[in-house]
Protein backbone atom coordinates (compact mmCIF):
# COMPACT_ATOMS: atom_id res chain seq x y z
CA UNK A 1 19.00 -10.10 3.85
CA UNK A 2 16.47 -7.37 3.15
CA UNK A 3 16.96 -5.46 -0.11
CA UNK A 4 13.90 -3.19 -0.07
CA UNK A 5 13.47 -2.49 3.65
CA UNK A 6 15.57 -1.90 6.75
CA UNK A 7 14.81 -3.72 10.01
CA UNK A 8 16.09 -2.72 13.41
CA UNK A 9 14.95 -2.90 17.02
CA UNK A 10 15.07 -0.07 19.55
CA UNK A 11 14.14 -1.59 22.89
CA UNK A 12 10.42 -2.45 22.72
CA UNK A 13 9.97 -0.93 19.24
CA UNK A 14 10.75 -2.86 16.03
CA UNK A 15 11.21 -0.57 13.03
CA UNK A 16 10.50 -1.54 9.42
CA UNK A 17 11.57 1.19 7.00
CA UNK A 18 10.87 1.09 3.28
CA UNK A 19 14.22 1.77 1.67
CA UNK A 20 13.95 2.49 -2.04
CA UNK A 21 14.00 6.31 -1.79
CA UNK A 22 15.36 6.77 -5.33
CA UNK A 23 12.14 5.11 -6.62
CA UNK A 24 9.71 6.71 -4.17
CA UNK A 25 9.82 3.44 -2.21
CA UNK A 26 8.06 1.82 -5.15
CA UNK A 27 6.80 -1.68 -4.42
CA UNK A 28 8.61 -4.61 -6.01
CA UNK A 29 7.74 -8.28 -5.68
CA UNK A 30 10.43 -8.57 -3.01
CA UNK A 31 9.00 -5.88 -0.75
CA UNK A 32 5.84 -7.65 0.51
CA UNK A 33 7.87 -10.80 1.24
CA UNK A 34 10.52 -8.85 3.13
CA UNK A 35 7.91 -6.97 5.14
CA UNK A 36 6.31 -10.27 6.14
CA UNK A 37 9.69 -11.66 7.21
CA UNK A 38 10.37 -8.57 9.34
CA UNK A 39 6.94 -8.77 10.96
CA UNK A 40 7.64 -12.39 11.87
CA UNK A 41 10.98 -11.40 13.42
CA UNK A 42 9.26 -8.77 15.52
CA UNK A 43 6.50 -11.12 16.62
CA UNK A 44 9.02 -13.76 17.71
CA UNK A 45 11.08 -11.24 19.69
CA UNK A 46 9.74 -11.18 23.27
CA UNK A 47 11.28 -7.75 23.88
CA UNK A 48 9.26 -6.10 21.08
CA UNK A 49 5.87 -4.64 21.97
CA UNK A 50 5.03 -2.57 18.88
CA UNK A 51 6.10 -2.26 15.23
CA UNK A 52 6.78 1.07 13.52
CA UNK A 53 6.42 1.21 9.71
CA UNK A 54 7.80 4.17 7.77
CA UNK A 55 9.60 5.10 4.56
CA UNK A 56 12.90 6.74 3.69
CA UNK A 57 13.13 9.63 1.26
CA UNK A 58 10.63 12.27 0.19
CA UNK A 59 7.53 10.16 0.78
CA UNK A 60 6.22 6.97 2.33
CA UNK A 61 5.34 5.06 -0.85
CA UNK A 62 4.30 5.99 -4.37
CA UNK A 63 2.76 2.58 -5.10
CA UNK A 64 4.04 -0.22 -7.29
CA UNK A 65 7.22 0.44 -9.23
CA UNK A 66 5.55 -0.03 -12.60
CA UNK A 67 8.09 1.63 -14.87
CA UNK A 68 9.78 -1.64 -15.81
CA UNK A 69 6.61 -3.63 -16.38
CA UNK A 70 4.54 -0.85 -17.97
CA UNK A 71 7.19 0.75 -20.18
CA UNK A 72 9.33 -2.26 -21.08
CA UNK A 73 7.25 -5.41 -21.36
CA UNK A 74 10.21 -7.51 -22.48
CA UNK A 75 12.05 -6.85 -19.21
CA UNK A 76 11.79 -9.55 -16.57
CA UNK A 77 11.42 -7.90 -13.16
CA UNK A 78 10.32 -10.77 -10.94
CA UNK A 79 13.51 -12.65 -10.21
CA UNK A 80 11.47 -15.80 -10.80
CA UNK A 81 12.35 -18.34 -13.52
CA UNK A 82 11.36 -17.24 -17.01
CA UNK A 83 8.00 -18.70 -17.95
CA UNK A 84 6.98 -19.39 -14.36
CA UNK A 85 3.50 -18.23 -13.21
CA UNK A 86 5.09 -15.42 -11.20
CA UNK A 87 7.17 -14.14 -14.11
CA UNK A 88 4.20 -14.43 -16.45
CA UNK A 89 2.01 -12.54 -14.00
CA UNK A 90 4.19 -9.44 -14.01
CA UNK A 91 4.12 -9.47 -17.79
CA UNK A 92 0.32 -9.81 -17.70
CA UNK A 93 0.03 -6.04 -17.46
CA UNK A 94 1.59 -5.97 -20.92
CA UNK A 95 -0.55 -8.77 -22.30
CA UNK A 96 -1.25 -8.64 -26.03
CA UNK A 97 -5.02 -8.02 -26.27
CA UNK A 98 -5.19 -10.18 -29.39
CA UNK A 99 -4.17 -13.22 -27.35
CA UNK A 100 -5.69 -15.15 -24.45
CA UNK A 101 -5.47 -13.68 -20.96
CA UNK A 102 -5.45 -15.97 -17.93
CA UNK A 103 -6.93 -14.09 -14.94
CA UNK A 104 -5.64 -16.66 -12.47
CA UNK A 105 -2.05 -15.82 -13.39
CA UNK A 106 -2.73 -12.25 -12.28
CA UNK A 107 -4.44 -13.58 -9.17
CA UNK A 108 -1.44 -15.72 -8.23
CA UNK A 109 0.87 -12.72 -8.28
CA UNK A 110 -1.34 -10.16 -6.58
CA UNK A 111 -2.69 -12.49 -3.90
CA UNK A 112 0.91 -13.26 -3.02
CA UNK A 113 1.56 -9.55 -2.53
CA UNK A 114 -1.61 -9.18 -0.47
CA UNK A 115 -0.43 -11.93 1.88
CA UNK A 116 2.74 -9.92 2.43
CA UNK A 117 0.86 -6.69 3.14
CA UNK A 118 -1.64 -8.47 5.37
CA UNK A 119 1.20 -9.70 7.57
CA UNK A 120 0.91 -6.21 9.09
CA UNK A 121 -2.79 -6.77 9.76
CA UNK A 122 -2.27 -10.32 11.07
CA UNK A 123 0.78 -9.36 13.15
CA UNK A 124 0.39 -10.37 16.78
CA UNK A 125 1.75 -6.99 17.81
CA UNK A 126 0.33 -3.58 16.88
CA UNK A 127 1.70 -1.77 13.82
CA UNK A 128 1.86 2.03 13.67
CA UNK A 129 2.42 3.46 10.19
CA UNK A 130 3.98 6.91 9.75
CA UNK A 131 3.22 8.61 6.43
CA UNK A 132 5.01 11.67 5.12
CA UNK A 133 4.91 13.24 1.67
CA UNK A 134 2.74 10.76 -0.18
CA UNK A 135 1.08 7.39 0.19
CA UNK A 136 -0.75 6.49 -2.99
CA UNK A 137 -1.92 3.48 -5.00
CA UNK A 138 -0.32 0.26 -3.70
CA UNK A 139 1.32 2.22 -0.90
CA UNK A 140 -2.09 2.56 0.73
CA UNK A 141 -2.25 -1.24 1.08
CA UNK A 142 0.54 -1.10 3.65
CA UNK A 143 -0.86 1.94 5.43
CA UNK A 144 -4.37 0.48 5.69
CA UNK A 145 -3.10 -2.95 6.77
CA UNK A 146 -1.38 -1.22 9.70
CA UNK A 147 -3.36 -0.72 12.90
CA UNK A 148 -2.84 3.01 13.36
CA UNK A 149 -1.82 5.76 10.96
CA UNK A 150 0.04 8.94 11.90
CA UNK A 151 0.34 11.24 8.91
CA UNK A 152 1.91 14.53 7.87
CA UNK A 153 -0.80 17.19 7.70
CA UNK A 154 -0.05 18.03 4.06
CA UNK A 155 0.70 14.50 2.88
CA UNK A 156 -1.32 13.00 0.03
CA UNK A 157 -3.05 9.66 0.52
CA UNK A 158 -5.41 7.87 -1.85
CA UNK A 159 -5.87 5.45 -4.70
CA UNK A 160 -5.68 7.26 -8.10
CA UNK A 161 -5.50 3.94 -10.06
CA UNK A 162 -9.23 3.64 -9.33
CA UNK A 163 -9.52 5.83 -12.46
CA UNK A 164 -7.83 3.25 -14.66
CA UNK A 165 -5.52 0.21 -14.31
CA UNK A 166 -6.22 -0.85 -10.75
CA UNK A 167 -8.45 -1.70 -7.81
CA UNK A 168 -7.23 -1.83 -4.19
CA UNK A 169 -6.29 -5.45 -3.65
CA UNK A 170 -6.36 -5.41 0.16
CA UNK A 171 -9.87 -3.89 -0.12
CA UNK A 172 -9.72 -2.25 3.29
CA UNK A 173 -11.12 1.18 2.43
CA UNK A 174 -14.74 0.43 3.35
CA UNK A 175 -13.66 -1.31 6.54
CA UNK A 176 -11.49 1.63 7.60
CA UNK A 177 -13.65 4.64 6.70
CA UNK A 178 -17.10 3.25 5.91
CA UNK A 179 -18.99 2.54 2.71
CA UNK A 180 -19.98 6.09 1.72
CA UNK A 181 -16.52 7.60 2.17
CA UNK A 182 -14.87 4.66 0.43
CA UNK A 183 -17.18 5.13 -2.56
CA UNK A 184 -16.40 8.86 -2.60
CA UNK A 185 -12.69 8.11 -2.98
CA UNK A 186 -12.82 5.09 -5.27
CA UNK A 187 -15.48 6.52 -7.62
CA UNK A 188 -13.14 9.45 -8.33
CA UNK A 189 -9.59 8.32 -7.51
CA UNK A 190 -9.26 11.49 -5.44
CA UNK A 191 -6.78 11.76 -2.58
CA UNK A 192 -7.02 13.12 0.94
CA UNK A 193 -4.60 15.45 2.65
CA UNK A 194 -3.29 14.35 6.02
CA UNK A 195 -5.72 16.69 7.75
CA UNK A 196 -8.62 15.24 5.80
CA UNK A 197 -7.43 11.71 6.58
CA UNK A 198 -7.88 12.47 10.28
CA UNK A 199 -11.27 14.10 9.70
CA UNK A 200 -12.43 11.06 7.72
CA UNK A 201 -11.26 8.63 10.41
CA UNK A 202 -8.52 7.09 8.28
CA UNK A 203 -5.63 8.41 10.39
CA UNK A 204 -5.47 8.72 14.16
CA UNK A 205 -3.56 12.02 14.11
CA UNK A 206 -1.62 14.39 11.87
CA UNK A 207 1.21 16.84 12.38
CA UNK A 208 3.42 19.19 10.37
CA UNK A 209 6.51 17.51 8.90
CA UNK A 210 8.78 19.03 11.58
CA UNK A 211 6.64 17.52 14.36
CA UNK A 212 5.66 14.24 12.74
CA UNK A 213 8.48 12.09 14.10
CA UNK A 214 7.95 13.29 17.65
CA UNK A 215 4.19 12.69 17.51
CA UNK A 216 4.66 9.20 16.16
CA UNK A 217 7.34 8.35 18.73
CA UNK A 218 5.11 9.54 21.56
CA UNK A 219 2.36 7.17 20.42
CA UNK A 220 4.78 4.26 19.98
CA UNK A 221 6.17 4.80 23.45
CA UNK A 222 2.71 4.79 25.04
CA UNK A 223 1.77 1.56 23.27
CA UNK A 224 5.10 0.01 24.26
CA UNK A 225 4.24 0.46 27.95
CA UNK A 226 1.39 -2.05 27.67
CA UNK A 227 2.23 -5.74 28.23
CA UNK A 228 2.53 -7.75 25.02
CA UNK A 229 -0.20 -10.19 26.06
CA UNK A 230 -2.67 -7.32 26.50
CA UNK A 231 -1.74 -5.85 23.12
CA UNK A 232 -2.19 -9.18 21.35
CA UNK A 233 -5.61 -9.73 22.92
CA UNK A 234 -6.88 -6.22 22.10
CA UNK A 235 -5.75 -6.50 18.48
CA UNK A 236 -7.32 -9.93 18.00
CA UNK A 237 -10.55 -8.73 19.54
CA UNK A 238 -10.86 -5.67 17.30
CA UNK A 239 -9.70 -7.40 14.10
CA UNK A 240 -12.31 -10.09 14.61
CA UNK A 241 -14.97 -7.51 13.73
CA UNK A 242 -13.47 -7.14 10.24
CA UNK A 243 -13.10 -10.89 9.81
CA UNK A 244 -16.78 -11.28 10.69
CA UNK A 245 -17.73 -8.62 8.13
CA UNK A 246 -16.24 -10.68 5.31
CA UNK A 247 -12.81 -9.14 4.77
CA UNK A 248 -11.31 -12.31 3.24
CA UNK A 249 -14.04 -12.62 0.59
CA UNK A 250 -13.85 -8.93 -0.24
CA UNK A 251 -10.08 -9.16 -0.75
CA UNK A 252 -10.43 -12.13 -3.08
CA UNK A 253 -12.76 -10.09 -5.28
CA UNK A 254 -10.44 -7.07 -5.10
CA UNK A 255 -7.47 -9.12 -6.29
CA UNK A 256 -9.43 -10.55 -9.23
CA UNK A 257 -10.80 -7.15 -10.21
CA UNK A 258 -7.32 -5.64 -10.12
CA UNK A 259 -6.28 -8.03 -12.89
CA UNK A 260 -9.45 -7.32 -14.84
CA UNK A 261 -8.88 -3.57 -14.63
CA UNK A 262 -5.55 -3.93 -16.43
CA UNK A 263 -7.19 -5.81 -19.30
CA UNK A 264 -10.05 -3.50 -20.20
CA UNK A 265 -10.04 -1.29 -23.28
CA UNK A 266 -9.03 1.66 -21.09
CA UNK A 267 -6.42 -0.43 -19.30
CA UNK A 268 -4.77 -1.38 -22.59
CA UNK A 269 -4.83 2.26 -23.73
CA UNK A 270 -3.09 3.29 -20.51
CA UNK A 271 -0.46 0.59 -21.02
CA UNK A 272 0.16 1.61 -24.62
CA UNK A 273 0.61 5.26 -23.60
CA UNK A 274 3.13 4.18 -20.95
CA UNK A 275 5.06 2.07 -23.46
CA UNK A 276 5.13 4.88 -26.03
CA UNK A 277 5.86 7.90 -23.85
CA UNK A 278 6.69 6.65 -20.37
CA UNK A 279 4.68 5.75 -17.28
CA UNK A 280 4.70 9.30 -15.92
CA UNK A 281 3.10 10.57 -19.13
CA UNK A 282 0.36 7.95 -18.86
CA UNK A 283 -0.32 8.92 -15.24
CA UNK A 284 -0.38 12.61 -16.16
CA UNK A 285 -2.96 11.94 -18.87
CA UNK A 286 -5.02 9.96 -16.38
CA UNK A 287 -4.97 12.56 -13.63
CA UNK A 288 -4.98 15.95 -15.38
CA UNK A 289 -8.73 15.92 -16.16
CA UNK A 290 -9.38 15.65 -12.43
CA UNK A 291 -7.28 18.72 -11.61
CA UNK A 292 -5.12 16.95 -9.04
CA UNK A 293 -3.09 19.44 -7.06
CA UNK A 294 -0.23 17.29 -5.86
CA UNK A 295 1.07 16.11 -2.48
CA UNK A 296 1.98 19.49 -0.99
CA UNK A 297 -1.44 21.07 -1.33
CA UNK A 298 -3.87 20.74 1.55
CA UNK A 299 -7.51 20.08 0.75
CA UNK A 300 -6.78 17.74 -2.16
CA UNK A 301 -10.41 16.61 -2.38
CA UNK A 302 -12.39 18.90 -4.67
C-alpha cells in the first residue's frame, strides 16, 4: 500500500503521482521506496509502454520534508527501529557538533534514497515527468532521474540547498545540462523558470499551466505508440552514455558530500536557526541575500 504516492494505469500509460499536497509533496523516507515499487509494477506490466510522474497540489515537489528532522531533533521520523542506522541517519542532521559524527551513517540513508530515485532512471520503460509550480532541492532528483521533463512555463526548478545544507545526491545536473551550466546553478543555488529550463536543455518543452496537462498527455501518447521492445532498447542505448561517463562514481561522491554539507560550521548554524525559529525562517535567511523572486516569477536567474 502506497502512503506517499498514487499508482494507476490508463491503458499503455502507468501514472505515479506524488500525493502529499499538504506538505508540498515533501520527500519522506517512504517516498523513494514507494516510487521504486511502482516503477517495478509498471515494468512488469506488459500493457504499459510509458510511465508518467507528476505531483498533486500546488507544485510538483518542494524537496525533503525537513521540518521534523530540522526543527525537532528528538522526533523519530524514519519508522525504523530506534537506534538503527536508518533512524540514526535522519537524526544526523541534528548531530551535536561537540560529539563524533559518522559520515557512513549519512551515506547509508541518502544512498538508499538515491536508489529509489534512480529506479526512474533504470526503469526499462521511459519516464516522463510533469512539473508544475515548483520543483526544488530533493524534488529535482526525481525530475532529473526521469527521461523527459515537461514543465510549466513559470514553474521554478533548481537546487537552493547548494547555498548551505546540501549537495544534489543523484548528481545528474552536469550530465543533463553540461558542466558550465551546472556550475552556474550550483555555485549560486539559483533556480530556472520553466522557460529557462527549456532554453538550457533541461526540459523538453514548457507550457502555461492551463495547457500543461494536454501537452504532457500528447507526448505520452506518442511514446505509447512505440513497441515496448523498441523503447527499452533506445533507453538503454542512450543511458549507456551516462554510465560510461562515470555517473555511478559521481553519485557516490555527491551522497558523501551531502552529509558533509550538513556538518560544516554553516550547516550547523542553519540547523540551529531552524530549531530556534522554524525551518522556513532558516530558508528565508539563506535565500534573501540572493534576492530570490519565488516560483511565479519568470526569469528567476539573475
